[in-house]
Protein backbone atom coordinates (compact mmCIF):
# COMPACT_ATOMS: atom_id res chain seq x y z
CA UNK A 1 0.00 0.00 0.00
CA UNK A 2 1.46 3.38 -0.95
CA UNK A 3 1.03 6.65 0.93
CA UNK A 4 -1.73 7.97 -1.29
CA UNK A 5 -3.71 4.77 -0.65
CA UNK A 6 -3.22 5.23 3.08
CA UNK A 7 -4.39 8.84 2.85
CA UNK A 8 -7.57 7.93 0.99
CA UNK A 9 -8.24 5.00 3.32
CA UNK A 10 -7.84 7.09 6.46
CA UNK A 11 -10.02 9.93 5.16
CA UNK A 12 -12.74 7.43 4.27
CA UNK A 13 -12.64 5.96 7.77
CA UNK A 14 -12.65 9.44 9.26
CA UNK A 15 -15.80 10.32 7.30
CA UNK A 16 -17.45 7.22 8.76
CA UNK A 17 -16.55 8.43 12.22
CA UNK A 18 -17.97 11.91 11.52
CA UNK A 19 -21.22 10.38 10.30
CA UNK A 20 -21.41 8.43 13.54
CA UNK A 21 -21.05 11.63 15.59
CA UNK A 22 -23.64 13.44 13.47
CA UNK A 23 -26.15 10.64 13.91
CA UNK A 24 -25.70 10.91 17.65
CA UNK A 25 -25.98 14.74 17.49
CA UNK A 26 -22.59 15.21 19.14
CA UNK A 27 -21.10 17.67 16.65
CA UNK A 28 -21.82 20.11 13.90
CA UNK A 29 -20.15 19.19 10.58
CA UNK A 30 -19.07 22.78 10.03
CA UNK A 31 -16.73 22.50 13.01
CA UNK A 32 -14.84 19.48 11.68
CA UNK A 33 -11.44 19.79 10.04
CA UNK A 34 -10.89 16.84 7.73
CA UNK A 35 -7.30 15.46 7.59
CA UNK A 36 -6.82 16.11 3.87
CA UNK A 37 -3.60 15.20 2.06
CA UNK A 38 -2.47 13.09 4.98
CA UNK A 39 0.01 11.19 2.84
CA UNK A 40 1.78 14.38 1.77
CA UNK A 41 2.34 15.30 5.40
CA UNK A 42 4.04 11.98 6.01
CA UNK A 43 6.22 12.38 2.93
CA UNK A 44 7.36 15.69 4.38
CA UNK A 45 8.13 13.95 7.69
CA UNK A 46 6.03 16.57 9.42
CA UNK A 47 3.92 14.56 11.79
CA UNK A 48 3.34 17.62 13.96
CA UNK A 49 0.74 18.72 11.41
CA UNK A 50 -1.26 15.58 12.06
CA UNK A 51 -3.40 15.85 15.14
CA UNK A 52 -3.08 12.74 17.24
CA UNK A 53 -6.60 13.38 18.47
CA UNK A 54 -7.87 12.22 15.08
CA UNK A 55 -6.23 8.83 15.52
CA UNK A 56 -7.56 8.55 19.07
CA UNK A 57 -11.10 9.47 18.01
CA UNK A 58 -11.16 6.88 15.27
CA UNK A 59 -9.61 4.27 17.57
CA UNK A 60 -12.35 4.96 20.11
CA UNK A 61 -15.01 4.75 17.42
CA UNK A 62 -13.82 1.32 16.30
CA UNK A 63 -13.28 0.00 19.83
CA UNK A 64 -16.71 1.02 21.05
CA UNK A 65 -18.36 -0.55 17.99
CA UNK A 66 -16.41 -3.81 18.08
CA UNK A 67 -16.01 -4.58 21.79
CA UNK A 68 -18.63 -4.91 24.58
CA UNK A 69 -18.69 -1.88 26.87
CA UNK A 70 -18.14 -4.02 29.95
CA UNK A 71 -14.60 -4.94 28.87
CA UNK A 72 -13.54 -1.36 28.12
CA UNK A 73 -12.98 -0.10 31.67
CA UNK A 74 -9.18 0.03 31.20
CA UNK A 75 -9.64 2.04 28.02
CA UNK A 76 -12.07 4.43 29.73
CA UNK A 77 -9.77 4.88 32.73
CA UNK A 78 -6.70 5.64 30.61
CA UNK A 79 -8.18 7.73 27.83
CA UNK A 80 -8.80 10.89 29.84
CA UNK A 81 -5.15 11.68 30.63
CA UNK A 82 -3.41 9.93 27.72
CA UNK A 83 -0.58 11.90 26.12
CA UNK A 84 1.09 11.18 22.76
CA UNK A 85 4.39 12.63 21.62
CA UNK A 86 6.40 12.30 18.42
CA UNK A 87 10.16 11.98 18.29
CA UNK A 88 13.04 10.73 16.16
CA UNK A 89 14.08 8.54 19.12
CA UNK A 90 17.50 10.19 18.94
CA UNK A 91 17.89 10.59 22.72
CA UNK A 92 16.24 7.24 23.30
CA UNK A 93 18.71 5.63 20.93
CA UNK A 94 21.57 6.88 23.09
CA UNK A 95 20.02 6.24 26.49
CA UNK A 96 17.89 3.13 25.98
CA UNK A 97 18.74 1.80 22.51
CA UNK A 98 15.17 2.23 21.28
CA UNK A 99 15.88 3.28 17.70
CA UNK A 100 14.41 0.03 16.33
CA UNK A 101 10.98 0.85 17.77
CA UNK A 102 8.23 2.57 15.84
CA UNK A 103 6.49 3.44 19.09
CA UNK A 104 6.44 2.79 22.82
CA UNK A 105 3.76 2.99 25.49
CA UNK A 106 4.61 3.79 29.11
CA UNK A 107 2.10 2.11 31.40
CA UNK A 108 3.31 4.03 34.43
CA UNK A 109 3.03 7.47 32.79
CA UNK A 110 0.22 6.70 30.30
CA UNK A 111 2.27 8.19 27.49
CA UNK A 112 2.76 7.00 23.91
CA UNK A 113 5.90 8.06 22.06
CA UNK A 114 5.87 7.61 18.28
CA UNK A 115 8.89 7.56 15.99
CA UNK A 116 7.52 9.79 13.23
CA UNK A 117 10.29 8.77 10.80
CA UNK A 118 8.98 5.21 10.81
CA UNK A 119 7.25 4.30 7.54
CA UNK A 120 4.52 2.36 9.38
CA UNK A 121 3.70 5.01 11.94
CA UNK A 122 -0.08 4.83 11.31
CA UNK A 123 -0.15 1.16 12.21
CA UNK A 124 2.25 1.75 15.12
CA UNK A 125 -0.04 4.34 16.68
CA UNK A 126 -2.91 1.84 16.76
CA UNK A 127 -0.62 -0.88 18.15
CA UNK A 128 0.39 1.43 21.02
CA UNK A 129 -3.21 2.54 21.57
CA UNK A 130 -4.14 -1.11 22.15
CA UNK A 131 -1.44 -1.26 24.83
CA UNK A 132 -3.04 1.77 26.45
CA UNK A 133 -6.56 0.32 26.17
CA UNK A 134 -5.49 -2.95 27.84
CA UNK A 135 -3.48 -1.55 30.76
CA UNK A 136 -4.94 -1.80 34.25
CA UNK A 137 -3.52 1.24 36.05
CA UNK A 138 -5.69 0.59 39.11
CA UNK A 139 -3.28 -2.19 40.08
CA UNK A 140 -0.53 -0.61 42.17
CA UNK A 141 1.82 -3.47 43.05
CA UNK A 142 2.75 -4.37 39.46
CA UNK A 143 2.46 -3.30 35.84
CA UNK A 144 -0.27 -5.29 34.10
CA UNK A 145 -1.09 -4.67 30.46
CA UNK A 146 -2.89 -7.19 28.27
CA UNK A 147 -1.17 -10.52 28.93
CA UNK A 148 2.01 -8.89 30.25
CA UNK A 149 2.87 -8.67 33.95
CA UNK A 150 5.91 -6.96 35.48
CA UNK A 151 6.37 -7.49 39.22
CA UNK A 152 9.41 -7.52 41.49
CA UNK A 153 11.74 -7.22 38.51
CA UNK A 154 10.24 -10.24 36.71
CA UNK A 155 8.55 -9.90 33.32
CA UNK A 156 6.04 -12.51 32.15
CA UNK A 157 3.92 -12.70 29.02
CA UNK A 158 5.57 -9.97 26.96
CA UNK A 159 5.94 -12.16 23.84
CA UNK A 160 2.32 -13.30 23.82
CA UNK A 161 1.16 -9.77 24.65
CA UNK A 162 3.05 -8.18 21.75
CA UNK A 163 1.93 -10.90 19.38
CA UNK A 164 -1.74 -10.50 20.30
CA UNK A 165 -1.49 -6.70 20.19
CA UNK A 166 -0.20 -7.03 16.63
CA UNK A 167 -3.08 -9.38 15.86
CA UNK A 168 -5.69 -6.89 17.09
CA UNK A 169 -4.06 -3.92 15.37
CA UNK A 170 -3.98 -5.92 12.14
CA UNK A 171 -7.54 -7.18 12.57
CA UNK A 172 -9.16 -3.82 13.24
CA UNK A 173 -6.77 -1.33 11.63
CA UNK A 174 -4.88 -3.37 9.04
CA UNK A 175 -6.14 -1.17 6.21
CA UNK A 176 -3.79 1.65 7.25
CA UNK A 177 -0.72 -0.58 7.25
CA UNK A 178 0.08 -4.25 7.47
CA UNK A 179 3.45 -4.35 9.21
CA UNK A 180 3.72 -7.08 11.84
CA UNK A 181 6.36 -6.07 14.36
CA UNK A 182 6.40 -9.44 16.13
CA UNK A 183 5.73 -11.97 13.35
CA UNK A 184 6.45 -15.21 15.22
CA UNK A 185 4.66 -14.10 18.38
CA UNK A 186 1.77 -12.97 16.17
CA UNK A 187 1.49 -16.45 14.64
CA UNK A 188 1.53 -18.18 18.03
CA UNK A 189 -1.10 -15.78 19.40
CA UNK A 190 -3.28 -16.28 16.34
CA UNK A 191 -3.17 -20.06 16.71
CA UNK A 192 -3.75 -19.88 20.47
CA UNK A 193 -6.86 -17.74 19.89
CA UNK A 194 -8.39 -20.62 17.92
CA UNK A 195 -8.16 -22.77 21.04
CA UNK A 196 -9.43 -20.15 23.48
CA UNK A 197 -11.94 -18.47 21.15
CA UNK A 198 -11.81 -14.91 19.82
CA UNK A 199 -14.42 -13.46 22.18
CA UNK A 200 -12.75 -14.83 25.31
CA UNK A 201 -9.23 -14.01 24.14
CA UNK A 202 -10.13 -10.41 23.38
CA UNK A 203 -11.90 -10.09 26.72
CA UNK A 204 -8.93 -11.45 28.69
CA UNK A 205 -6.60 -9.08 26.82
CA UNK A 206 -8.69 -5.91 27.05
CA UNK A 207 -9.40 -6.45 30.76
CA UNK A 208 -5.73 -7.31 31.36
CA UNK A 209 -6.56 -10.66 32.88
CA UNK A 210 -3.77 -13.16 32.10
CA UNK A 211 -4.97 -15.26 35.04
CA UNK A 212 -8.27 -15.87 33.24
CA UNK A 213 -6.34 -17.02 30.18
CA UNK A 214 -4.34 -19.47 32.28
CA UNK A 215 -7.55 -20.80 33.87
CA UNK A 216 -9.15 -21.23 30.45
CA UNK A 217 -6.17 -23.22 29.18
CA UNK A 218 -6.27 -25.16 32.46
CA UNK A 219 -9.04 -27.21 30.89
CA UNK A 220 -6.35 -28.86 28.78
CA UNK A 221 -3.11 -28.77 30.79
CA UNK A 222 -1.45 -28.05 34.13
CA UNK A 223 -0.72 -24.50 35.27
CA UNK A 224 3.02 -25.26 35.28
CA UNK A 225 2.94 -26.32 31.62
CA UNK A 226 0.85 -23.29 30.64
CA UNK A 227 3.25 -20.90 32.37
CA UNK A 228 6.18 -22.65 30.68
CA UNK A 229 4.47 -22.06 27.33
CA UNK A 230 3.95 -18.34 28.06
CA UNK A 231 7.55 -17.89 29.24
CA UNK A 232 8.83 -19.85 26.26
CA UNK A 233 7.29 -17.30 23.88
CA UNK A 234 9.04 -14.60 25.92
CA UNK A 235 12.38 -16.31 25.29
CA UNK A 236 12.24 -17.32 21.63
CA UNK A 237 14.71 -14.59 20.68
CA UNK A 238 17.00 -14.87 23.70
CA UNK A 239 20.47 -14.23 22.20
CA UNK A 240 22.12 -16.27 24.96
CA UNK A 241 20.40 -19.51 23.93
CA UNK A 242 22.24 -21.87 21.61
CA UNK A 243 20.54 -23.55 18.66
CA UNK A 244 19.70 -26.71 20.63
CA UNK A 245 18.00 -24.78 23.43
CA UNK A 246 16.12 -22.61 20.95
CA UNK A 247 14.91 -25.62 18.98
CA UNK A 248 13.68 -27.20 22.20
CA UNK A 249 11.75 -24.02 23.08
CA UNK A 250 10.10 -23.84 19.64
CA UNK A 251 9.21 -27.54 19.67
CA UNK A 252 7.64 -27.26 23.12
CA UNK A 253 5.54 -24.25 22.08
CA UNK A 254 4.39 -26.17 19.01
CA UNK A 255 3.64 -29.32 21.02
CA UNK A 256 1.57 -27.42 23.60
CA UNK A 257 -0.61 -25.79 20.94
CA UNK A 258 -1.25 -29.09 19.15
CA UNK A 259 -1.86 -30.91 22.43
CA UNK A 260 -4.39 -28.35 23.65
CA UNK A 261 -6.27 -28.33 20.37
CA UNK A 262 -6.50 -32.13 20.28
CA UNK A 263 -7.61 -32.31 23.92
CA UNK A 264 -10.26 -29.64 23.26
CA UNK A 265 -11.45 -31.61 20.22
CA UNK A 266 -11.76 -34.79 22.30
CA UNK A 267 -13.53 -32.95 25.14
CA UNK A 268 -16.04 -31.65 22.58
CA UNK A 269 -16.96 -35.29 21.90
CA UNK A 270 -15.26 -35.54 18.51
CA UNK A 271 -13.37 -38.62 17.33
CA UNK A 272 -9.96 -37.41 16.19
CA UNK A 273 -9.66 -40.48 13.96
CA UNK A 274 -12.72 -39.52 11.97
CA UNK A 275 -11.36 -38.43 8.55
CA UNK A 276 -12.93 -34.96 8.68
CA UNK A 277 -11.85 -34.31 12.27
CA UNK A 278 -8.37 -35.63 11.44
CA UNK A 279 -8.08 -33.11 8.61
CA UNK A 280 -9.17 -30.33 10.95
CA UNK A 281 -6.50 -31.30 13.47
CA UNK A 282 -3.78 -31.40 10.82
CA UNK A 283 -4.99 -28.16 9.24
CA UNK A 284 -4.80 -26.47 12.65
CA UNK A 285 -1.32 -27.81 13.36
CA UNK A 286 0.05 -26.59 10.03
CA UNK A 287 -0.89 -23.02 10.91
CA UNK A 288 1.94 -23.14 13.45
CA UNK A 289 5.23 -21.93 11.93
CA UNK A 290 7.28 -24.90 10.72
CA UNK A 291 10.35 -22.75 10.02
CA UNK A 292 11.68 -20.16 12.45
CA UNK A 293 14.36 -17.62 11.61
CA UNK A 294 17.10 -17.55 14.26
CA UNK A 295 18.76 -14.34 15.49
CA UNK A 296 21.76 -15.10 13.26
CA UNK A 297 19.44 -15.48 10.21
CA UNK A 298 19.80 -19.27 10.21
CA UNK A 299 16.68 -21.46 10.14
CA UNK A 300 15.16 -23.80 12.69
CA UNK A 301 12.89 -26.30 10.95
CA UNK A 302 10.20 -28.04 12.98
CA UNK A 303 8.69 -31.41 12.00
CA UNK A 304 5.01 -30.67 12.58
CA UNK A 305 3.83 -34.16 11.57
CA UNK A 306 6.19 -35.86 14.02
CA UNK A 307 4.95 -33.64 16.85
CA UNK A 308 1.33 -34.48 15.97
CA UNK A 309 2.25 -38.19 16.11
CA UNK A 310 3.97 -37.70 19.45
CA UNK A 311 0.98 -35.89 20.98
CA UNK A 312 -1.53 -38.49 19.77
CA UNK A 313 0.67 -41.34 21.04
CA UNK A 314 0.99 -39.70 24.47
CA UNK A 315 -2.74 -39.06 24.77
CA UNK A 316 -3.67 -42.63 23.85
CA UNK A 317 -0.67 -44.32 25.42
CA UNK A 318 0.30 -46.21 22.31
CA UNK A 319 1.64 -45.81 18.79
CA UNK A 320 -1.21 -44.90 16.45
CA UNK A 321 0.79 -45.53 13.26
CA UNK A 322 1.37 -42.10 11.73
CA UNK A 323 -1.71 -40.07 12.57
CA UNK A 324 -1.06 -37.23 10.05
CA UNK A 325 -2.18 -37.83 6.48
CA UNK A 326 1.13 -37.49 4.65
């Protein structure tokens, strides 16, 4: 998508938002300033001309029309004093090595900082707004945003949280940019949502309730195994891990997802050896990345079919003679 396409797309969405306000008699059209020639402003690298309030208004419009009001209390609490700033991340690059980021959200200060030189800044703004909307600032003994928890110097769930934030930004605002900042985490979150269900997954995220997610997955596995899975996604790009450790992490993530889906299928009363159900199981499993790019640009290839066999054998306690249809 080029910049002119983005400009037209955004203006169209903005018109929809204005119509919504008019229908609800909240504004007078004569008082609205339409963001014309938005693409030209980006080409000039002059983000200061773009009012962040326009992004926030459209974000609110979409959120309130796509999510139940009862799961938006974090969004409502944080919206009133939210601040957004633009920067080149020059100082941040020196002090915190943040130059690779298109944007950052501070849960403690309720501030979003956007790198306005980033080519995907539209998409980045919505990604960071989802972080804001899913942060529970009423909790005082820890930082809790979406599926991420930071307490006593320990971070848990950051990988899954970033992946699911990308998924939501892509799902609801993908027409203004399609960059996925956390591609592997995005894929794992997308597959996990099929096990949990979209409605529940979005609710747990927006209400910042990772405990509810763990309890939901507790239908299919122990809490220890679920927490290992969440922490494994946090560590998939740990530069200190050698290739053997990293392969083990990826294989365990893959095995957990397949295992939970098969157990859910069985609990729903379906026979996983029925040809149609078997195809569904295999189709699900092959949505999990079979090739992972390592930090040194090498590849880690995962044998999805062998892991399916292993899971089925463990569930039934015997060799089922190559479950996947090869």
